[in-house]
Protein backbone atom coordinates (compact mmCIF):
# COMPACT_ATOMS: atom_id res chain seq x y z
CA MET A 1 8.73 6.54 26.33
CA ARG A 2 9.34 10.03 25.02
CA VAL A 3 6.29 11.79 23.55
CA TYR A 4 6.46 14.89 21.38
CA HIS A 5 4.59 16.74 18.63
CA LYS A 6 5.86 17.32 15.11
CA ARG A 7 4.25 18.56 11.91
CA HIS A 8 4.32 16.10 9.03
CA PRO A 9 4.35 17.61 5.49
CA VAL A 10 1.37 15.44 4.41
CA HIS A 11 -0.45 14.42 7.59
CA GLY A 12 -0.22 17.69 9.53
CA LEU A 13 0.35 17.79 13.26
CA CYS A 14 1.20 14.35 14.65
CA LEU A 15 2.00 12.83 18.01
CA TYR A 16 5.28 10.89 18.05
CA ALA A 17 6.36 8.36 20.65
CA ASP A 18 9.90 7.01 20.91
CA ASN A 19 11.33 4.45 23.34
CA GLY A 20 14.90 4.63 22.06
CA TYR A 21 14.51 1.71 19.67
CA ILE A 22 11.25 2.25 17.80
CA GLU A 23 9.34 5.38 16.87
CA ILE A 24 5.66 5.73 15.94
CA GLY A 25 3.68 8.67 14.57
CA ILE A 26 -0.07 9.27 15.00
CA PRO A 27 -2.00 12.06 13.22
CA PHE A 28 -4.36 14.28 15.21
CA SER A 29 -6.60 15.42 12.36
CA PHE A 30 -7.85 12.09 10.94
CA GLY A 31 -7.85 8.41 11.72
CA ILE A 32 -7.55 6.44 13.81
CA ARG A 33 -4.17 5.59 12.19
CA ILE A 34 -0.54 4.95 12.93
CA THR A 35 1.18 6.64 10.01
CA HIS A 36 4.81 6.14 11.07
CA PHE A 37 6.53 3.00 12.35
CA GLY A 38 10.26 2.44 12.24
CA LEU A 39 13.53 2.41 14.12
CA SER A 40 14.17 5.57 16.12
CA GLY A 41 15.35 8.32 13.80
CA LYS A 42 15.18 6.04 10.75
CA GLU A 43 12.89 5.83 7.74
CA ASN A 44 9.23 4.87 7.93
CA LEU A 45 8.43 1.21 7.21
CA PHE A 46 4.81 2.12 6.47
CA TYR A 47 3.63 3.35 3.09
CA GLU A 48 2.53 6.97 3.04
CA ASP A 49 0.05 7.98 0.36
CA PRO A 50 1.16 11.34 -1.09
CA ILE A 51 -1.57 13.93 -0.75
CA GLU A 52 -1.55 14.58 -4.51
CA ASP A 53 -1.95 10.90 -5.44
CA PRO A 54 -5.52 10.37 -6.80
CA LYS A 55 -5.24 6.59 -6.54
CA PHE A 56 -6.93 4.84 -3.64
CA SER A 57 -9.48 7.57 -2.95
CA THR A 58 -13.22 8.16 -3.28
CA PRO A 59 -15.12 11.27 -4.43
CA ASP A 60 -16.57 11.84 -0.96
CA GLY A 61 -13.18 12.19 0.72
CA TRP A 62 -11.89 8.77 1.73
CA ARG A 63 -8.16 8.31 1.15
CA LEU A 64 -5.92 5.32 1.67
CA ARG A 65 -3.30 7.50 3.43
CA GLY A 66 -1.28 4.41 4.26
CA GLY A 67 -0.02 3.41 7.68
CA TYR A 68 -1.93 1.16 10.06
CA ARG A 69 -5.71 1.12 10.34
CA ILE A 70 -8.71 -0.84 11.63
CA TRP A 71 -11.57 -1.92 9.37
CA PRO A 72 -14.60 -4.19 9.80
CA ALA A 73 -14.62 -7.29 7.62
CA PRO A 74 -15.82 -8.59 5.23
CA GLU A 75 -14.86 -5.72 2.95
CA GLY A 76 -17.71 -3.44 1.97
CA PRO A 77 -18.87 0.19 1.75
CA TRP A 78 -18.38 0.66 5.51
CA ASP A 79 -14.61 0.41 4.96
CA TYR A 80 -14.54 3.42 2.61
CA VAL A 81 -16.34 5.99 4.74
CA PRO A 82 -14.00 9.00 5.16
CA ASP A 83 -12.17 8.99 8.51
CA ASN A 84 -11.33 12.68 8.43
CA LEU A 85 -12.48 13.72 11.92
CA PRO A 86 -10.10 14.61 14.78
CA VAL A 87 -8.91 11.76 16.98
CA ASP A 88 -9.18 11.63 20.78
CA MET A 89 -5.98 10.48 22.49
CA SER A 90 -4.99 9.54 26.01
CA ILE A 91 -1.35 8.92 26.91
CA ASN A 92 0.15 7.02 29.83
CA GLU A 93 3.89 7.55 29.56
CA ASP A 94 4.62 5.40 32.64
CA ASP A 95 2.95 2.36 31.02
CA ASP A 96 4.12 3.20 27.47
CA LEU A 97 0.45 3.17 26.43
CA ILE A 98 -1.48 5.34 23.96
CA VAL A 99 -5.25 4.97 23.49
CA LEU A 100 -6.95 6.37 20.37
CA SER A 101 -10.69 6.80 19.89
CA GLU A 102 -12.65 8.07 16.92
CA GLN A 103 -16.00 9.76 17.16
CA PRO A 104 -19.02 7.45 16.70
CA CYS A 105 -19.75 7.12 12.98
CA SER A 106 -23.37 6.60 11.98
CA ALA A 107 -22.35 5.85 8.38
CA THR A 108 -20.47 2.71 9.47
CA GLY A 109 -22.36 1.89 12.66
CA PHE A 110 -19.14 1.73 14.67
CA ARG A 111 -16.88 3.57 17.02
CA LYS A 112 -13.27 2.44 16.59
CA ARG A 113 -10.64 2.33 19.31
CA MET A 114 -6.97 1.44 19.27
CA GLU A 115 -4.73 0.73 22.27
CA ILE A 116 -1.02 0.93 21.42
CA LYS A 117 1.55 -0.47 23.83
CA LEU A 118 5.20 0.27 23.07
CA LEU A 119 7.38 -2.81 23.53
CA ASP A 120 11.15 -3.07 23.59
CA ARG A 121 11.30 -3.74 19.84
CA GLY A 122 7.86 -2.91 18.54
CA ILE A 123 4.24 -2.39 19.46
CA ARG A 124 1.26 -4.40 20.65
CA VAL A 125 -2.04 -3.12 19.23
CA ARG A 126 -5.54 -3.94 20.42
CA GLY A 127 -8.18 -2.77 17.94
CA SER A 128 -11.87 -2.71 18.81
CA LEU A 129 -15.19 -2.00 17.10
CA GLU A 130 -18.14 -0.82 19.20
CA ASN A 131 -21.64 -1.26 17.78
CA ILE A 132 -23.38 2.14 18.07
CA THR A 133 -26.56 1.08 16.23
CA ASP A 134 -29.79 -0.35 17.65
CA HIS A 135 -29.37 -3.73 15.91
CA ASP A 136 -26.90 -6.62 15.86
CA ILE A 137 -23.89 -6.46 13.51
CA SER A 138 -21.90 -9.51 12.40
CA CYS A 139 -18.30 -8.80 11.40
CA SER A 140 -14.68 -9.26 12.36
CA VAL A 141 -11.94 -6.80 13.27
CA TRP A 142 -9.55 -6.34 10.35
CA MET A 143 -6.14 -4.84 11.16
CA VAL A 144 -4.16 -3.62 8.17
CA SER A 145 -0.46 -2.71 8.05
CA THR A 146 0.26 -0.84 4.80
CA VAL A 147 3.98 -1.18 4.23
CA ALA A 148 6.45 0.60 1.97
CA PRO A 149 7.24 -0.87 -1.47
CA GLY A 150 10.29 -2.90 -2.40
CA GLY A 151 10.18 -5.56 0.31
CA VAL A 152 9.75 -9.33 0.46
CA GLU A 153 6.98 -11.02 2.45
CA GLU A 154 7.30 -14.53 3.89
CA ILE A 155 4.16 -16.36 5.05
CA PRO A 156 5.08 -19.58 6.90
CA LEU A 157 2.91 -22.61 6.18
CA PRO A 158 1.98 -25.29 8.74
CA PHE A 159 3.27 -28.82 8.25
CA SER A 160 1.83 -31.75 10.22
CA GLY A 161 3.90 -34.59 8.79
CA ASN A 162 0.92 -36.98 8.64
CA ASP A 163 -0.06 -36.37 5.01
CA SER A 164 -3.29 -34.55 5.90
CA PRO A 165 -4.69 -31.21 4.65
CA ARG A 166 -2.79 -28.50 6.45
CA VAL A 167 -3.88 -25.09 5.21
CA SER A 168 -6.55 -23.35 3.10
CA LEU A 169 -5.50 -20.76 0.54
CA CYS A 170 -7.83 -18.51 -1.45
CA TYR A 171 -7.25 -16.09 -4.32
CA TRP A 172 -9.21 -12.96 -5.15
CA ASP A 173 -10.57 -12.76 -8.72
CA HIS A 174 -7.96 -10.27 -9.90
CA THR A 175 -5.08 -12.49 -8.71
CA ASP A 176 -3.04 -14.74 -11.01
CA PRO A 177 -1.48 -17.65 -9.06
CA GLY A 178 1.31 -17.63 -11.64
CA ASP A 179 2.17 -13.97 -10.96
CA PRO A 180 5.99 -13.59 -10.94
CA ARG A 181 5.83 -11.98 -7.50
CA PHE A 182 4.86 -15.37 -5.98
CA ARG A 183 7.32 -18.08 -5.00
CA TYR A 184 5.83 -21.25 -3.51
CA GLU A 185 7.90 -23.41 -1.19
CA LYS A 186 6.95 -26.40 0.93
CA ASP A 187 7.05 -24.43 4.16
CA ARG A 188 6.23 -20.90 3.02
CA ILE A 189 4.81 -18.55 0.42
CA VAL A 190 7.19 -15.75 -0.57
CA ILE A 191 5.86 -12.61 -2.28
CA SER A 192 8.24 -9.98 -3.62
CA HIS A 193 7.02 -6.45 -4.16
CA MET A 194 7.57 -5.33 -7.74
CA LYS A 195 6.42 -2.40 -9.84
CA ILE A 196 3.68 -4.44 -11.53
CA PRO A 197 0.33 -2.68 -12.20
CA GLU A 198 -1.85 -5.76 -11.63
CA HIS A 199 -3.08 -6.18 -8.07
CA LEU A 200 -2.90 -9.45 -6.17
CA LYS A 201 -4.57 -10.62 -2.97
CA ILE A 202 -4.61 -13.94 -1.17
CA GLY A 203 -6.05 -15.23 2.09
CA ILE A 204 -4.79 -18.08 4.25
CA SER A 205 -6.55 -19.93 7.03
CA ARG A 206 -3.63 -19.64 9.44
CA PRO A 207 0.09 -19.07 8.96
CA ALA A 208 2.39 -21.40 10.91
CA GLY A 209 3.91 -18.45 12.75
CA PRO A 210 4.62 -14.73 12.43
CA VAL A 211 4.56 -13.19 8.97
CA ARG A 212 7.73 -11.34 7.97
CA TYR A 213 8.25 -8.41 5.59
CA THR A 214 11.89 -7.61 4.90
CA LEU A 215 12.70 -4.15 3.59
CA GLY A 216 16.37 -3.33 3.22
CA ASP A 217 18.24 -4.04 6.44
CA VAL A 218 15.17 -4.46 8.68
CA THR A 219 12.31 -6.94 8.94
CA LEU A 220 8.80 -6.22 10.18
CA VAL A 221 7.41 -9.24 12.05
CA LYS A 222 3.62 -9.46 12.43
CA SER A 223 1.90 -11.93 14.78
CA TYR A 224 -1.67 -12.00 16.05
CA ASP A 225 -4.23 -13.75 18.22
CA PHE A 226 -5.88 -16.78 16.60
CA THR A 227 -8.90 -18.68 17.92
CA GLU A 228 -9.08 -22.40 17.20
CA ASP A 229 -12.37 -23.70 15.74
CA ALA A 230 -13.71 -20.14 15.22
CA VAL A 231 -15.41 -18.91 12.05
CA TYR A 232 -13.34 -16.52 9.93
CA THR A 233 -14.49 -14.43 6.98
CA ASP A 234 -13.33 -14.65 3.34
CA ARG A 235 -13.48 -18.47 3.11
CA GLY A 236 -11.91 -18.93 6.51
CA SER A 237 -8.99 -16.50 6.23
CA SER A 238 -7.36 -15.22 9.42
CA TYR A 239 -4.55 -13.64 7.40
CA GLU A 240 -4.64 -11.80 4.06
CA THR A 241 -2.13 -9.90 2.00
CA TYR A 242 -2.56 -7.44 -0.85
CA PHE A 243 0.04 -6.06 -3.28
CA SER A 244 -0.20 -3.18 -5.74
CA GLU A 245 2.60 -1.48 -7.62
CA HIS A 246 2.72 1.21 -4.89
CA MET A 247 2.71 -0.76 -1.64
CA ALA A 248 1.79 -3.97 0.16
CA GLU A 249 -0.70 -4.71 2.94
CA LEU A 250 -0.25 -7.25 5.73
CA GLU A 251 -3.70 -7.96 7.17
CA SER A 252 -4.87 -10.04 10.12
CA LEU A 253 -8.47 -10.67 11.13
CA SER A 254 -10.38 -11.68 14.22
CA PRO A 255 -13.07 -14.36 14.11
CA VAL A 256 -16.54 -13.28 12.99
CA TYR A 257 -18.66 -12.13 15.94
CA THR A 258 -22.21 -10.88 16.33
CA ILE A 259 -22.00 -7.57 18.20
CA LYS A 260 -24.99 -6.50 20.26
CA PRO A 261 -25.88 -2.77 20.41
CA GLY A 262 -23.53 -1.00 22.79
CA CYS A 263 -21.05 -3.89 22.84
CA GLU A 264 -17.65 -4.24 21.18
CA ILE A 265 -15.28 -6.84 19.77
CA SER A 266 -11.48 -6.68 19.68
CA HIS A 267 -8.42 -8.18 18.05
CA THR A 268 -4.78 -8.01 19.18
CA GLU A 269 -1.54 -8.28 17.26
CA GLU A 270 2.12 -7.37 17.61
CA LEU A 271 4.46 -5.65 15.16
CA LEU A 272 8.15 -6.07 15.93
CA ILE A 273 11.25 -4.84 14.09
CA GLU A 274 14.33 -7.00 13.61
CA GLU A 275 17.61 -5.64 12.29
CA ASN A 276 19.13 -7.93 9.68
């Protein structure tokens, strides 16, 4: 793993890591985020929110920024607290491992951490939330990959063959099931990114396998830990996806846990890149 520093025109000074196949970029001045993910020397597969774009921002300084982030779920005010403080990093080049930590945040009640392991063709990410309050918090770890526009997402559906219920699907209020971006097949849901102003979001109890997002000549493949018989938020969703006219989000969630003061919960997933 080669590690170097480079200044990004929007995100400022960033740490970059490259193993000869994939390259990631991590900003020093805010986060914790991975703002760049792609083939070495190639374009970013993550969406990057231009600094002048007023969409997806709050008056007190929160910005979408794009990239890869950790949130607590279910969605609420704690997800929109500005994450504009410097990030602590530790790097183990021998193990291809980068560990990111944010400063404890009293406004959310959490300290977030992210362990990033570079793999041959992608990354393994372990995200954790530490309870820094003096009371219990019930939530799940929500890991969001904000990807560049123009791609096609495929969510594989389980099939048992015994004519029994096989999956739960939920729609957010602003979502039209007849939206032209959706295509429903027996073994998958396909969503094409289009320049359509209306937002859509769905949740699914459990995909049958990795979720795929194809953008040009590469495909991002997202897989994650799933716990059988656990309780998941948002009507039992372990996977959610959100589309706007600007970008798409591929989101996995841990089960809901009750975190004691001083304790933490975690969730692990992998992002791989396939060349088409």
